[in-house]
Amino acid sequence: MAEDQPLASPVAGAKITVQAGARRLVLSNLDKSLYSDGFTKREVINYYSRIAPVLLPHLAGRPVTFIRFPDGVGGEQFFEKNVPHGAPSWLPTVRIARSGSRGSGEPITYALLDELAAVVWAANMAALELRVPQWTVDGSGKRRPPDRLVFDLDPGPGTSIVHCCRVAERLHDALTDDGLAPWAKTSGSKGMQLYCAITTDDPAAPSAYAKKLAQRLARETPDRVTAVMAKAQRTGRAFIDWSQNNPAKTTVAPYSLRGRDHPTVSTPVTWEEVRACRRPAQLVFTADGVLDRVDDLGDLLADLGTTRAALP
């Protein structure tokens, strides 16, 4: 990202113009701290600018829901599905009918982030978290069938991502037995997610399959796993959230920052790292570390789409 003005120490509240790919953007408040450890908006934009080459393929064709933190992670946060007023005219959007429990009302106009400038624009809005569904839209804006299966593993009180890793290993074996190829990433918060690239014509099928498998693991080890969302059921257990396969729901995108005390990132990991994990700190990655990691390893989810298989 080339700058028309230096990014070093602008006057508080000052605006600068930068060149992001083919676009010119105006950025503001670059020295505002967005994380409690002092990580600034300037650093957020720098991270998203540099991670964009591996981030963008995971956003391609997927309507993006933002979680914005205009006053940083210690202030008010809000979900934003509709493209905000003042969005650039070049930003591609898609208008999609509401679904789920709020199925009536005006359709939602989502942003599609398909280039570096779009990611920088979002970062300048303090959209720290980027969330996407498990389906894409075609060139006319029509929703395609789901192309990803996801399991969100959330550690309950008294457990950690280490506990989730042991559950992930069991899911890996079950999914592999069913002819699917599971891929892992951290959530960037407390837990982790598993993805499988799938083909299906039924939007409801991924949720049904994921629920059945989650319930099976919960029956086999009820003291360690729950497939029930109720918080009272989670103490000492990992919750396998199968419901994010619902077409109305979203999951944090690979390489998205999270709105936590530190700029942690939802980071793809190898199965060797999952199996070796014995301390939560082993699978905590922050923005700077992820940039170095991608330089060394590339995108560990780059081949996800090549392992697509029919959903059982």
C-alpha atoms as a PDB file:
ATOM      1  CA  MET A   1       0.000   0.000   0.000  1.00  0.00           C
ATOM      2  CA  ALA A   2       1.668   3.191  -1.187  1.00  0.00           C
ATOM      3  CA  GLU A   3       1.103   6.394   0.731  1.00  0.00           C
ATOM      4  CA  ASP A   4       0.719   9.934  -0.593  1.00  0.00           C
ATOM      5  CA  GLN A   5       1.713  11.156   2.858  1.00  0.00           C
ATOM      6  CA  PRO A   6       3.964   9.452   5.437  1.00  0.00           C
ATOM      7  CA  LEU A   7       2.145   7.327   7.987  1.00  0.00           C
ATOM      8  CA  ALA A   8       4.528   8.436  10.746  1.00  0.00           C
ATOM      9  CA  SER A   9       2.964  10.438  13.572  1.00  0.00           C
ATOM     10  CA  PRO A  10       0.113  12.364  11.933  1.00  0.00           C
ATOM     11  CA  VAL A  11      -1.664  14.991  13.982  1.00  0.00           C
ATOM     12  CA  ALA A  12      -4.391  13.391  16.114  1.00  0.00           C
ATOM     13  CA  GLY A  13      -7.533  13.084  14.031  1.00  0.00           C
ATOM     14  CA  ALA A  14      -5.698  14.038  10.845  1.00  0.00           C
ATOM     15  CA  LYS A  15      -6.594  12.401   7.560  1.00  0.00           C
ATOM     16  CA  ILE A  16      -4.162  11.082   4.985  1.00  0.00           C
ATOM     17  CA  THR A  17      -4.613   9.786   1.453  1.00  0.00           C
ATOM     18  CA  VAL A  18      -3.081   6.449   0.464  1.00  0.00           C
ATOM     19  CA  GLN A  19      -2.947   4.323  -2.646  1.00  0.00           C
ATOM     20  CA  ALA A  20      -4.283   0.797  -2.051  1.00  0.00           C
ATOM     21  CA  GLY A  21      -3.953  -1.208  -5.228  1.00  0.00           C
ATOM     22  CA  ALA A  22      -5.857   0.704  -7.895  1.00  0.00           C
ATOM     23  CA  ARG A  23      -7.780   2.866  -5.397  1.00  0.00           C
ATOM     24  CA  ARG A  24      -7.082   6.020  -3.432  1.00  0.00           C
ATOM     25  CA  LEU A  25      -8.436   6.008   0.093  1.00  0.00           C
ATOM     26  CA  VAL A  26      -8.622   8.571   2.875  1.00  0.00           C
ATOM     27  CA  LEU A  27      -7.624   7.174   6.277  1.00  0.00           C
ATOM     28  CA  SER A  28      -8.138   8.852   9.628  1.00  0.00           C
ATOM     29  CA  ASN A  29      -7.282   8.588  13.333  1.00  0.00           C
ATOM     30  CA  LEU A  30      -4.362   6.282  12.654  1.00  0.00           C
ATOM     31  CA  ASP A  31      -2.849   6.719  16.110  1.00  0.00           C
ATOM     32  CA  LYS A  32      -6.033   5.712  17.947  1.00  0.00           C
ATOM     33  CA  SER A  33      -5.423   2.662  20.137  1.00  0.00           C
ATOM     34  CA  LEU A  34      -7.905  -0.072  19.240  1.00  0.00           C
ATOM     35  CA  TYR A  35      -6.534  -2.703  21.620  1.00  0.00           C
ATOM     36  CA  SER A  36      -5.795  -2.429  25.313  1.00  0.00           C
ATOM     37  CA  ASP A  37      -2.121  -3.233  24.678  1.00  0.00           C
ATOM     38  CA  GLY A  38      -1.830  -0.096  22.513  1.00  0.00           C
ATOM     39  CA  PHE A  39      -2.152  -1.717  19.081  1.00  0.00           C
ATOM     40  CA  THR A  40      -3.338   1.192  16.936  1.00  0.00           C
ATOM     41  CA  LYS A  41      -5.585   1.604  13.934  1.00  0.00           C
ATOM     42  CA  ARG A  42      -2.427   2.225  11.900  1.00  0.00           C
ATOM     43  CA  GLU A  43      -1.211  -1.246  12.916  1.00  0.00           C
ATOM     44  CA  VAL A  44      -4.604  -2.819  12.179  1.00  0.00           C
ATOM     45  CA  ILE A  45      -4.560  -1.342   8.660  1.00  0.00           C
ATOM     46  CA  ASN A  46      -0.959  -2.435   8.197  1.00  0.00           C
ATOM     47  CA  TYR A  47      -1.857  -5.988   9.233  1.00  0.00           C
ATOM     48  CA  TYR A  48      -4.872  -6.237   6.935  1.00  0.00           C
ATOM     49  CA  SER A  49      -2.918  -4.693   4.057  1.00  0.00           C
ATOM     50  CA  ARG A  50      -0.135  -7.227   4.357  1.00  0.00           C
ATOM     51  CA  ILE A  51      -2.332 -10.271   5.029  1.00  0.00           C
ATOM     52  CA  ALA A  52      -4.732  -9.433   2.169  1.00  0.00           C
ATOM     53  CA  PRO A  53      -3.158 -11.805  -0.403  1.00  0.00           C
ATOM     54  CA  VAL A  54      -4.028 -14.842   1.730  1.00  0.00           C
ATOM     55  CA  LEU A  55      -7.177 -13.369   3.303  1.00  0.00           C
ATOM     56  CA  LEU A  56      -8.973 -12.373   0.107  1.00  0.00           C
ATOM     57  CA  PRO A  57      -9.425 -15.915  -1.295  1.00  0.00           C
ATOM     58  CA  HIS A  58     -11.321 -16.847   1.884  1.00  0.00           C
ATOM     59  CA  LEU A  59     -13.635 -13.849   1.459  1.00  0.00           C
ATOM     60  CA  ALA A  60     -14.170 -14.221  -2.295  1.00  0.00           C
ATOM     61  CA  GLY A  61     -17.858 -14.280  -3.175  1.00  0.00           C
ATOM     62  CA  ARG A  62     -18.933 -14.390   0.484  1.00  0.00           C
ATOM     63  CA  PRO A  63     -21.094 -11.587   1.922  1.00  0.00           C
ATOM     64  CA  VAL A  64     -19.158 -10.068   4.819  1.00  0.00           C
ATOM     65  CA  THR A  65     -20.576  -9.188   8.218  1.00  0.00           C
ATOM     66  CA  PHE A  66     -18.408  -6.765  10.185  1.00  0.00           C
ATOM     67  CA  ILE A  67     -17.954  -6.424  13.912  1.00  0.00           C
ATOM     68  CA  ARG A  68     -16.826  -2.846  14.389  1.00  0.00           C
ATOM     69  CA  PHE A  69     -15.025  -1.347  17.385  1.00  0.00           C
ATOM     70  CA  PRO A  70     -14.967   2.410  16.663  1.00  0.00           C
ATOM     71  CA  ASP A  71     -13.615   3.204  20.141  1.00  0.00           C
ATOM     72  CA  GLY A  72     -11.460   0.102  20.449  1.00  0.00           C
ATOM     73  CA  VAL A  73     -12.077  -3.224  22.105  1.00  0.00           C
ATOM     74  CA  GLY A  74     -12.892  -1.610  25.421  1.00  0.00           C
ATOM     75  CA  GLY A  75     -15.710   0.462  23.936  1.00  0.00           C
ATOM     76  CA  GLU A  76     -18.989  -0.249  22.212  1.00  0.00           C
ATOM     77  CA  GLN A  77     -18.986  -2.885  19.514  1.00  0.00           C
ATOM     78  CA  PHE A  78     -21.659  -3.690  16.973  1.00  0.00           C
ATOM     79  CA  PHE A  79     -22.471  -6.089  14.174  1.00  0.00           C
ATOM     80  CA  GLU A  80     -22.930  -4.480  10.786  1.00  0.00           C
ATOM     81  CA  LYS A  81     -24.449  -6.440   7.935  1.00  0.00           C
ATOM     82  CA  ASN A  82     -25.805  -3.657   5.739  1.00  0.00           C
ATOM     83  CA  VAL A  83     -23.155  -1.643   3.938  1.00  0.00           C
ATOM     84  CA  PRO A  84     -22.819   1.627   5.867  1.00  0.00           C
ATOM     85  CA  HIS A  85     -23.645   5.018   4.414  1.00  0.00           C
ATOM     86  CA  GLY A  86     -20.621   6.623   2.831  1.00  0.00           C
ATOM     87  CA  ALA A  87     -19.188   3.369   1.490  1.00  0.00           C
ATOM     88  CA  PRO A  88     -17.189   3.945  -1.702  1.00  0.00           C
ATOM     89  CA  SER A  89     -19.117   3.656  -4.951  1.00  0.00           C
ATOM     90  CA  TRP A  90     -16.652   1.074  -6.284  1.00  0.00           C
ATOM     91  CA  LEU A  91     -17.332  -1.379  -3.447  1.00  0.00           C
ATOM     92  CA  PRO A  92     -19.243  -4.408  -4.799  1.00  0.00           C
ATOM     93  CA  THR A  93     -22.364  -5.317  -2.862  1.00  0.00           C
ATOM     94  CA  VAL A  94     -25.006  -8.015  -2.960  1.00  0.00           C
ATOM     95  CA  ARG A  95     -28.630  -7.763  -1.830  1.00  0.00           C
ATOM     96  CA  ILE A  96     -29.881 -10.891  -0.083  1.00  0.00           C
ATOM     97  CA  ALA A  97     -33.241 -11.700   1.457  1.00  0.00           C
ATOM     98  CA  ARG A  98     -33.256 -12.129   5.202  1.00  0.00           C
ATOM     99  CA  SER A  99     -33.381 -15.675   6.534  1.00  0.00           C
ATOM    100  CA  GLY A 100     -33.666 -17.409   9.870  1.00  0.00           C
ATOM    101  CA  SER A 101     -35.908 -16.092  12.647  1.00  0.00           C
ATOM    102  CA  ARG A 102     -35.916 -12.625  11.062  1.00  0.00           C
ATOM    103  CA  GLY A 103     -36.909 -13.807   7.640  1.00  0.00           C
ATOM    104  CA  SER A 104     -39.257 -10.915   6.917  1.00  0.00           C
ATOM    105  CA  GLY A 105     -38.383  -7.321   6.199  1.00  0.00           C
ATOM    106  CA  GLU A 106     -36.078  -5.561   3.775  1.00  0.00           C
ATOM    107  CA  PRO A 107     -33.243  -7.571   2.199  1.00  0.00           C
ATOM    108  CA  ILE A 108     -29.742  -6.946   3.520  1.00  0.00           C
ATOM    109  CA  THR A 109     -27.140  -5.255   1.327  1.00  0.00           C
ATOM    110  CA  TYR A 110     -23.819  -6.891   2.136  1.00  0.00           C
ATOM    111  CA  ALA A 111     -20.321  -5.831   1.147  1.00  0.00           C
ATOM    112  CA  LEU A 112     -18.123  -8.121  -0.908  1.00  0.00           C
ATOM    113  CA  LEU A 113     -14.438  -7.642  -0.147  1.00  0.00           C
ATOM    114  CA  ASP A 114     -12.648  -8.613  -3.337  1.00  0.00           C
ATOM    115  CA  GLU A 115      -9.531  -6.425  -3.420  1.00  0.00           C
ATOM    116  CA  LEU A 116      -6.915  -4.820  -1.202  1.00  0.00           C
ATOM    117  CA  ALA A 117      -8.677  -1.442  -1.134  1.00  0.00           C
ATOM    118  CA  ALA A 118     -11.886  -3.017   0.177  1.00  0.00           C
ATOM    119  CA  VAL A 119     -10.015  -4.646   3.059  1.00  0.00           C
ATOM    120  CA  VAL A 120      -8.253  -1.352   3.879  1.00  0.00           C
ATOM    121  CA  TRP A 121     -11.588   0.486   3.760  1.00  0.00           C
ATOM    122  CA  ALA A 122     -13.052  -1.980   6.260  1.00  0.00           C
ATOM    123  CA  ALA A 123     -10.023  -1.700   8.545  1.00  0.00           C
ATOM    124  CA  ASN A 124     -10.302   2.098   8.495  1.00  0.00           C
ATOM    125  CA  MET A 125     -13.854   1.682   9.860  1.00  0.00           C
ATOM    126  CA  ALA A 126     -12.356  -0.286  12.779  1.00  0.00           C
ATOM    127  CA  ALA A 127     -14.051  -3.414  11.458  1.00  0.00           C
ATOM    128  CA  LEU A 128     -11.674  -5.649  13.381  1.00  0.00           C
ATOM    129  CA  GLU A 129     -13.652  -8.862  12.860  1.00  0.00           C
ATOM    130  CA  LEU A 130     -14.728 -10.174   9.471  1.00  0.00           C
ATOM    131  CA  ARG A 131     -17.339 -12.921   9.423  1.00  0.00           C
ATOM    132  CA  VAL A 132     -18.592 -14.924   6.437  1.00  0.00           C
ATOM    133  CA  PRO A 133     -21.146 -17.687   5.763  1.00  0.00           C
ATOM    134  CA  GLN A 134     -20.374 -21.174   4.471  1.00  0.00           C
ATOM    135  CA  TRP A 135     -21.722 -20.305   1.006  1.00  0.00           C
ATOM    136  CA  THR A 136     -20.936 -17.906  -1.821  1.00  0.00           C
ATOM    137  CA  VAL A 137     -22.960 -15.882  -4.306  1.00  0.00           C
ATOM    138  CA  ASP A 138     -22.741 -16.128  -8.078  1.00  0.00           C
ATOM    139  CA  GLY A 139     -22.181 -13.261 -10.501  1.00  0.00           C
ATOM    140  CA  SER A 140     -25.835 -12.278 -10.377  1.00  0.00           C
ATOM    141  CA  GLY A 141     -25.896 -12.190  -6.585  1.00  0.00           C
ATOM    142  CA  LYS A 142     -27.801 -15.454  -6.182  1.00  0.00           C
ATOM    143  CA  ARG A 143     -26.905 -17.599  -3.191  1.00  0.00           C
ATOM    144  CA  ARG A 144     -25.161 -20.854  -4.087  1.00  0.00           C
ATOM    145  CA  PRO A 145     -25.507 -24.070  -2.054  1.00  0.00           C
ATOM    146  CA  PRO A 146     -23.089 -24.412   0.874  1.00  0.00           C
ATOM    147  CA  ASP A 147     -19.515 -25.260  -0.091  1.00  0.00           C
ATOM    148  CA  ARG A 148     -18.062 -25.577   3.403  1.00  0.00           C
ATOM    149  CA  LEU A 149     -18.875 -27.598   6.482  1.00  0.00           C
ATOM    150  CA  VAL A 150     -17.756 -26.071   9.782  1.00  0.00           C
ATOM    151  CA  PHE A 151     -17.476 -27.266  13.372  1.00  0.00           C
ATOM    152  CA  ASP A 152     -16.872 -24.551  15.962  1.00  0.00           C
ATOM    153  CA  LEU A 153     -15.234 -25.958  19.104  1.00  0.00           C
ATOM    154  CA  ASP A 154     -15.788 -23.727  22.126  1.00  0.00           C
ATOM    155  CA  PRO A 155     -14.145 -24.597  25.470  1.00  0.00           C
ATOM    156  CA  GLY A 156     -16.451 -24.405  28.464  1.00  0.00           C
ATOM    157  CA  PRO A 157     -15.446 -23.254  31.968  1.00  0.00           C
ATOM    158  CA  GLY A 158     -12.569 -25.315  33.296  1.00  0.00           C
ATOM    159  CA  THR A 159     -11.326 -26.227  29.819  1.00  0.00           C
ATOM    160  CA  SER A 160      -9.227 -24.599  27.102  1.00  0.00           C
ATOM    161  CA  ILE A 161      -8.236 -24.953  23.477  1.00  0.00           C
ATOM    162  CA  VAL A 162      -6.144 -27.943  24.592  1.00  0.00           C
ATOM    163  CA  HIS A 163      -9.390 -29.753  25.390  1.00  0.00           C
ATOM    164  CA  CYS A 164     -10.769 -28.659  22.000  1.00  0.00           C
ATOM    165  CA  CYS A 165      -7.716 -30.129  20.274  1.00  0.00           C
ATOM    166  CA  ARG A 166      -8.476 -33.554  21.710  1.00  0.00           C
ATOM    167  CA  VAL A 167     -12.056 -33.288  20.436  1.00  0.00           C
ATOM    168  CA  ALA A 168     -10.760 -32.034  17.085  1.00  0.00           C
ATOM    169  CA  GLU A 169      -8.637 -35.174  16.744  1.00  0.00           C
ATOM    170  CA  ARG A 170     -11.733 -37.319  17.187  1.00  0.00           C
ATOM    171  CA  LEU A 171     -13.663 -35.232  14.680  1.00  0.00           C
ATOM    172  CA  HIS A 172     -10.753 -35.539  12.249  1.00  0.00           C
ATOM    173  CA  ASP A 173     -10.957 -39.328  12.374  1.00  0.00           C
ATOM    174  CA  ALA A 174     -14.747 -39.388  12.028  1.00  0.00           C
ATOM    175  CA  LEU A 175     -14.752 -36.952   9.110  1.00  0.00           C
ATOM    176  CA  THR A 176     -11.953 -38.809   7.364  1.00  0.00           C
ATOM    177  CA  ASP A 177     -13.876 -42.061   7.762  1.00  0.00           C
ATOM    178  CA  ASP A 178     -16.787 -40.343   5.987  1.00  0.00           C
ATOM    179  CA  GLY A 179     -14.578 -39.377   3.053  1.00  0.00           C
ATOM    180  CA  LEU A 180     -14.118 -35.716   4.026  1.00  0.00           C
ATOM    181  CA  ALA A 181     -10.851 -33.801   4.492  1.00  0.00           C
ATOM    182  CA  PRO A 182     -10.845 -31.661   7.668  1.00  0.00           C
ATOM    183  CA  TRP A 183      -8.721 -28.524   8.034  1.00  0.00           C
ATOM    184  CA  ALA A 184      -8.123 -26.682  11.298  1.00  0.00           C
ATOM    185  CA  LYS A 185      -7.745 -23.084  12.442  1.00  0.00           C
ATOM    186  CA  THR A 186      -7.860 -21.293  15.747  1.00  0.00           C
ATOM    187  CA  SER A 187     -10.804 -19.022  16.427  1.00  0.00           C
ATOM    188  CA  GLY A 188      -8.461 -16.277  17.587  1.00  0.00           C
ATOM    189  CA  SER A 189     -10.389 -16.283  20.841  1.00  0.00           C
ATOM    190  CA  LYS A 190     -10.631 -19.359  23.094  1.00  0.00           C
ATOM    191  CA  GLY A 191     -11.454 -22.180  20.708  1.00  0.00           C
ATOM    192  CA  MET A 192     -10.992 -23.425  17.169  1.00  0.00           C
ATOM    193  CA  GLN A 193     -12.836 -24.387  14.000  1.00  0.00           C
ATOM    194  CA  LEU A 194     -12.643 -27.296  11.594  1.00  0.00           C
ATOM    195  CA  TYR A 195     -13.557 -26.896   7.922  1.00  0.00           C
ATOM    196  CA  CYS A 196     -14.320 -29.399   5.187  1.00  0.00           C
ATOM    197  CA  ALA A 197     -14.881 -28.417   1.566  1.00  0.00           C
ATOM    198  CA  ILE A 198     -18.118 -30.064   0.458  1.00  0.00           C
ATOM    199  CA  THR A 199     -20.643 -30.360  -2.326  1.00  0.00           C
ATOM    200  CA  THR A 200     -24.357 -30.524  -1.567  1.00  0.00           C
ATOM    201  CA  ASP A 201     -27.600 -29.341  -3.153  1.00  0.00           C
ATOM    202  CA  ASP A 202     -29.426 -29.077   0.175  1.00  0.00           C
ATOM    203  CA  PRO A 203     -28.745 -25.943   2.279  1.00  0.00           C
ATOM    204  CA  ALA A 204     -30.011 -27.769   5.383  1.00  0.00           C
ATOM    205  CA  ALA A 205     -27.824 -30.849   4.938  1.00  0.00           C
ATOM    206  CA  PRO A 206     -24.579 -29.505   6.487  1.00  0.00           C
ATOM    207  CA  SER A 207     -26.330 -28.589   9.754  1.00  0.00           C
ATOM    208  CA  ALA A 208     -28.067 -31.956   9.904  1.00  0.00           C
ATOM    209  CA  TYR A 209     -24.839 -33.866   9.301  1.00  0.00           C
ATOM    210  CA  ALA A 210     -22.808 -31.744  11.742  1.00  0.00           C
ATOM    211  CA  LYS A 211     -25.468 -32.044  14.452  1.00  0.00           C
ATOM    212  CA  LYS A 212     -25.602 -35.810  14.114  1.00  0.00           C
ATOM    213  CA  LEU A 213     -21.820 -36.134  14.389  1.00  0.00           C
ATOM    214  CA  ALA A 214     -21.603 -33.706  17.330  1.00  0.00           C
ATOM    215  CA  GLN A 215     -24.324 -35.600  19.181  1.00  0.00           C
ATOM    216  CA  ARG A 216     -22.504 -38.880  18.558  1.00  0.00           C
ATOM    217  CA  LEU A 217     -19.313 -37.590  20.163  1.00  0.00           C
ATOM    218  CA  ALA A 218     -21.313 -36.172  23.072  1.00  0.00           C
ATOM    219  CA  ARG A 219     -22.975 -39.573  23.665  1.00  0.00           C
ATOM    220  CA  GLU A 220     -19.620 -41.337  23.569  1.00  0.00           C
ATOM    221  CA  THR A 221     -17.950 -38.990  26.092  1.00  0.00           C
ATOM    222  CA  PRO A 222     -20.661 -36.954  27.863  1.00  0.00           C
ATOM    223  CA  ASP A 223     -18.171 -35.834  30.509  1.00  0.00           C
ATOM    224  CA  ARG A 224     -15.948 -34.141  27.915  1.00  0.00           C
ATOM    225  CA  VAL A 225     -18.192 -33.051  25.023  1.00  0.00           C
ATOM    226  CA  THR A 226     -21.568 -31.379  24.659  1.00  0.00           C
ATOM    227  CA  ALA A 227     -23.581 -30.650  21.550  1.00  0.00           C
ATOM    228  CA  VAL A 228     -26.027 -28.462  23.493  1.00  0.00           C
ATOM    229  CA  MET A 229     -25.690 -24.685  23.406  1.00  0.00           C
ATOM    230  CA  ALA A 230     -26.982 -24.119  26.966  1.00  0.00           C
ATOM    231  CA  LYS A 231     -24.155 -22.705  29.081  1.00  0.00           C
ATOM    232  CA  ALA A 232     -25.165 -24.881  32.024  1.00  0.00           C
ATOM    233  CA  GLN A 233     -24.069 -27.901  29.978  1.00  0.00           C
ATOM    234  CA  ARG A 234     -20.592 -26.607  29.130  1.00  0.00           C
ATOM    235  CA  THR A 235     -18.623 -26.727  32.394  1.00  0.00           C
ATOM    236  CA  GLY A 236     -15.695 -29.079  31.956  1.00  0.00           C
ATOM    237  CA  ARG A 237     -16.703 -29.812  28.363  1.00  0.00           C
ATOM    238  CA  ALA A 238     -15.993 -28.621  24.851  1.00  0.00           C
ATOM    239  CA  PHE A 239     -19.105 -27.462  23.024  1.00  0.00           C
ATOM    240  CA  ILE A 240     -19.285 -28.610  19.409  1.00  0.00           C
ATOM    241  CA  ASP A 241     -21.291 -25.843  17.781  1.00  0.00           C
ATOM    242  CA  TRP A 242     -22.772 -27.412  14.660  1.00  0.00           C
ATOM    243  CA  SER A 243     -25.274 -24.580  14.162  1.00  0.00           C
ATOM    244  CA  GLN A 244     -22.885 -22.287  12.266  1.00  0.00           C
ATOM    245  CA  ASN A 245     -23.731 -24.370   9.212  1.00  0.00           C
ATOM    246  CA  ASN A 246     -27.148 -22.715   9.199  1.00  0.00           C
ATOM    247  CA  PRO A 247     -27.164 -20.520   6.048  1.00  0.00           C
ATOM    248  CA  ALA A 248     -28.231 -17.558   8.199  1.00  0.00           C
ATOM    249  CA  LYS A 249     -25.100 -17.765  10.389  1.00  0.00           C
ATOM    250  CA  THR A 250     -21.489 -16.726   9.934  1.00  0.00           C
ATOM    251  CA  THR A 251     -18.061 -17.793  11.191  1.00  0.00           C
ATOM    252  CA  VAL A 252     -15.007 -15.618  11.736  1.00  0.00           C
ATOM    253  CA  ALA A 253     -12.925 -15.663   8.558  1.00  0.00           C
ATOM    254  CA  PRO A 254      -9.432 -17.145   8.426  1.00  0.00           C
ATOM    255  CA  TYR A 255      -6.854 -14.416   9.191  1.00  0.00           C
ATOM    256  CA  SER A 256      -9.433 -12.092  10.736  1.00  0.00           C
ATOM    257  CA  LEU A 257      -8.407 -10.184  13.818  1.00  0.00           C
ATOM    258  CA  ARG A 258     -10.521 -10.633  16.929  1.00  0.00           C
ATOM    259  CA  GLY A 259     -11.830  -7.991  19.291  1.00  0.00           C
ATOM    260  CA  ARG A 260      -9.959  -9.174  22.389  1.00  0.00           C
ATOM    261  CA  ASP A 261      -7.430  -7.483  24.675  1.00  0.00           C
ATOM    262  CA  HIS A 262      -4.650  -8.288  22.245  1.00  0.00           C
ATOM    263  CA  PRO A 263      -4.735  -8.397  18.416  1.00  0.00           C
ATOM    264  CA  THR A 264      -5.141 -12.164  18.187  1.00  0.00           C
ATOM    265  CA  VAL A 265      -5.925 -13.721  14.823  1.00  0.00           C
ATOM    266  CA  SER A 266      -8.001 -16.664  13.632  1.00  0.00           C
ATOM    267  CA  THR A 267      -5.075 -18.679  12.337  1.00  0.00           C
ATOM    268  CA  PRO A 268      -4.871 -21.835  10.191  1.00  0.00           C
ATOM    269  CA  VAL A 269      -2.852 -24.566  11.897  1.00  0.00           C
ATOM    270  CA  THR A 270      -1.498 -27.951  10.911  1.00  0.00           C
ATOM    271  CA  TRP A 271      -2.786 -31.210  12.327  1.00  0.00           C
ATOM    272  CA  GLU A 272       0.666 -31.767  13.761  1.00  0.00           C
ATOM    273  CA  GLU A 273       0.228 -28.560  15.781  1.00  0.00           C
ATOM    274  CA  VAL A 274      -3.226 -29.662  16.915  1.00  0.00           C
ATOM    275  CA  ARG A 275      -1.957 -33.056  18.082  1.00  0.00           C
ATOM    276  CA  ALA A 276       1.068 -31.528  19.825  1.00  0.00           C
ATOM    277  CA  CYS A 277      -0.886 -28.856  21.709  1.00  0.00           C
ATOM    278  CA  ARG A 278      -0.592 -29.248  25.485  1.00  0.00           C
ATOM    279  CA  ARG A 279      -0.724 -25.583  26.549  1.00  0.00           C
ATOM    280  CA  PRO A 280      -3.173 -22.900  25.337  1.00  0.00           C
ATOM    281  CA  ALA A 281      -0.295 -20.527  24.553  1.00  0.00           C
ATOM    282  CA  GLN A 282       0.921 -22.905  21.840  1.00  0.00           C
ATOM    283  CA  LEU A 283      -2.070 -21.960  19.674  1.00  0.00           C
ATOM    284  CA  VAL A 284      -2.284 -18.227  20.362  1.00  0.00           C
ATOM    285  CA  PHE A 285      -1.208 -16.086  17.407  1.00  0.00           C
ATOM    286  CA  THR A 286      -1.148 -12.289  17.187  1.00  0.00           C
ATOM    287  CA  ALA A 287      -1.014 -10.103  14.088  1.00  0.00           C
ATOM    288  CA  ASP A 288       2.762  -9.733  13.847  1.00  0.00           C
ATOM    289  CA  GLY A 289       3.334 -13.425  14.445  1.00  0.00           C
ATOM    290  CA  VAL A 290       0.794 -14.409  11.799  1.00  0.00           C
ATOM    291  CA  LEU A 291       2.495 -12.223   9.198  1.00  0.00           C
ATOM    292  CA  ASP A 292       5.801 -13.963   9.940  1.00  0.00           C
ATOM    293  CA  ARG A 293       4.057 -17.331   9.950  1.00  0.00           C
ATOM    294  CA  VAL A 294       2.534 -16.757   6.515  1.00  0.00           C
ATOM    295  CA  ASP A 295       5.907 -15.646   5.194  1.00  0.00           C
ATOM    296  CA  ASP A 296       7.335 -18.974   6.363  1.00  0.00           C
ATOM    297  CA  LEU A 297       4.440 -21.382   5.730  1.00  0.00           C
ATOM    298  CA  GLY A 298       2.156 -19.670   3.231  1.00  0.00           C
ATOM    299  CA  ASP A 299      -1.599 -20.112   3.588  1.00  0.00           C
ATOM    300  CA  LEU A 300      -2.202 -23.443   5.309  1.00  0.00           C
ATOM    301  CA  LEU A 301      -5.795 -23.379   4.008  1.00  0.00           C
ATOM    302  CA  ALA A 302      -4.816 -22.653   0.410  1.00  0.00           C
ATOM    303  CA  ASP A 303      -5.674 -26.176  -0.741  1.00  0.00           C
ATOM    304  CA  LEU A 304      -8.965 -26.456   1.127  1.00  0.00           C
ATOM    305  CA  GLY A 305     -11.017 -26.189  -2.068  1.00  0.00           C
ATOM    306  CA  THR A 306      -9.049 -28.937  -3.810  1.00  0.00           C
ATOM    307  CA  THR A 307     -10.257 -31.497  -1.242  1.00  0.00           C
ATOM    308  CA  ARG A 308     -13.955 -30.952  -1.919  1.00  0.00           C
ATOM    309  CA  ALA A 309     -16.088 -34.061  -1.459  1.00  0.00           C
ATOM    310  CA  ALA A 310     -19.776 -34.904  -1.432  1.00  0.00           C
ATOM    311  CA  LEU A 311     -21.419 -34.449   1.947  1.00  0.00           C
ATOM    312  CA  PRO A 312     -22.364 -37.900   3.286  1.00  0.00           C
END
